[in-house]
Amino acid sequence: MENFINLKIDLPDDLIQKLEKVIVDTVTKTLQQRVADIKAEPKMYTRKEAANALRITLPTLRLYEIQGRLIPKRAGKRVLYSKENIEAFIASLRP
């Protein structure tokens, strides 16, 4: 058999409003941090997106991969390139 205790506390309206504000502010701040964390995750490019970002053809992208100039990550059959790798490759081409 379960035991329950019902407790009713009458609080002044101004205190309830302050508590509601604290709760809303806390939830809002937490959600904003989570969204910022999600946005901070590295962007991954498909082969086609990477080639477009680098303005090269898919065969050239494959050649760079074979040469070790761009290192992709594999997720099953998918070949993905991180945004950081693409940016570092572009930076390495600049004198």
Protein backbone atom coordinates (compact mmCIF):
# COMPACT_ATOMS: atom_id res chain seq x y z
CA MET A 1 0.00 0.00 0.00
CA GLU A 2 1.33 3.43 -0.96
CA ASN A 3 1.37 6.32 1.44
CA PHE A 4 0.69 9.82 0.21
CA ILE A 5 0.86 13.10 2.03
CA ASN A 6 -1.07 16.00 0.56
CA LEU A 7 0.28 19.34 1.62
CA LYS A 8 -1.17 22.66 0.58
CA ILE A 9 0.77 25.83 1.20
CA ASP A 10 -0.76 29.20 0.49
CA LEU A 11 1.89 31.63 -0.69
CA PRO A 12 1.51 35.34 -1.34
CA ASP A 13 1.02 36.27 -5.00
CA ASP A 14 4.21 38.33 -5.15
CA LEU A 15 6.27 35.37 -3.93
CA ILE A 16 4.64 33.09 -6.51
CA GLN A 17 5.48 35.61 -9.24
CA LYS A 18 9.11 35.78 -8.07
CA LEU A 19 9.36 31.99 -8.06
CA GLU A 20 7.86 31.82 -11.55
CA LYS A 21 10.38 34.40 -12.78
CA VAL A 22 13.29 32.45 -11.29
CA ILE A 23 12.06 29.24 -12.89
CA VAL A 24 11.51 30.86 -16.31
CA ASP A 25 14.91 32.59 -16.18
CA THR A 26 16.67 29.36 -15.20
CA VAL A 27 14.99 27.32 -17.92
CA THR A 28 15.66 30.02 -20.53
CA LYS A 29 19.35 30.26 -19.57
CA THR A 30 19.74 26.47 -19.63
CA LEU A 31 18.10 26.19 -23.06
CA GLN A 32 20.26 28.99 -24.45
CA GLN A 33 23.40 27.21 -23.22
CA ARG A 34 22.26 23.93 -24.79
CA VAL A 35 21.51 25.63 -28.11
CA ALA A 36 24.94 27.31 -28.02
CA ASP A 37 26.55 23.91 -27.35
CA ILE A 38 24.69 22.38 -30.30
CA LYS A 39 25.75 25.23 -32.58
CA ALA A 40 29.35 24.86 -31.40
CA GLU A 41 29.53 21.26 -32.58
CA PRO A 42 31.70 20.88 -35.65
CA LYS A 43 29.96 20.99 -38.99
CA MET A 44 30.54 17.96 -41.12
CA TYR A 45 30.53 18.19 -44.90
CA THR A 46 29.64 15.43 -47.33
CA ARG A 47 32.01 14.84 -50.25
CA LYS A 48 29.87 17.02 -52.51
CA GLU A 49 29.61 19.83 -49.93
CA ALA A 50 33.37 19.70 -49.29
CA ALA A 51 34.14 19.85 -53.01
CA ASN A 52 31.80 22.82 -53.41
CA ALA A 53 33.32 24.59 -50.39
CA LEU A 54 36.82 24.09 -51.85
CA ARG A 55 35.64 24.83 -55.41
CA ILE A 56 37.15 21.61 -56.72
CA THR A 57 35.77 18.52 -58.43
CA LEU A 58 34.97 15.27 -56.66
CA PRO A 59 37.90 13.46 -58.35
CA THR A 60 40.27 16.19 -57.13
CA LEU A 61 38.85 15.84 -53.63
CA ARG A 62 39.48 12.09 -53.80
CA LEU A 63 43.04 12.74 -55.00
CA TYR A 64 43.67 15.05 -52.03
CA GLU A 65 42.34 12.33 -49.75
CA ILE A 66 44.68 9.72 -51.29
CA GLN A 67 47.60 12.15 -50.97
CA GLY A 68 46.74 12.69 -47.31
CA ARG A 69 46.09 16.39 -47.78
CA LEU A 70 42.50 16.05 -46.54
CA ILE A 71 41.60 13.38 -44.02
CA PRO A 72 37.90 12.45 -43.94
CA LYS A 73 35.99 10.64 -41.28
CA ARG A 74 33.87 7.69 -42.22
CA ALA A 75 30.42 6.97 -40.85
CA GLY A 76 29.38 3.68 -42.37
CA LYS A 77 29.51 4.24 -46.11
CA ARG A 78 29.46 8.01 -45.74
CA VAL A 79 32.64 10.04 -46.12
CA LEU A 80 32.55 13.26 -44.11
CA TYR A 81 34.95 16.16 -43.77
CA SER A 82 35.01 18.39 -40.70
CA LYS A 83 34.69 22.13 -41.08
CA GLU A 84 38.01 22.52 -39.26
CA ASN A 85 39.79 20.24 -41.77
CA ILE A 86 38.37 22.20 -44.70
CA GLU A 87 39.38 25.53 -43.16
CA ALA A 88 42.87 24.25 -42.28
CA PHE A 89 43.32 22.98 -45.84
CA ILE A 90 42.32 26.37 -47.26
CA ALA A 91 44.68 28.12 -44.85
CA SER A 92 47.53 25.84 -45.89
CA LEU A 93 47.11 26.99 -49.50
CA ARG A 94 47.61 30.63 -48.62
CA PRO A 95 51.16 31.97 -48.81
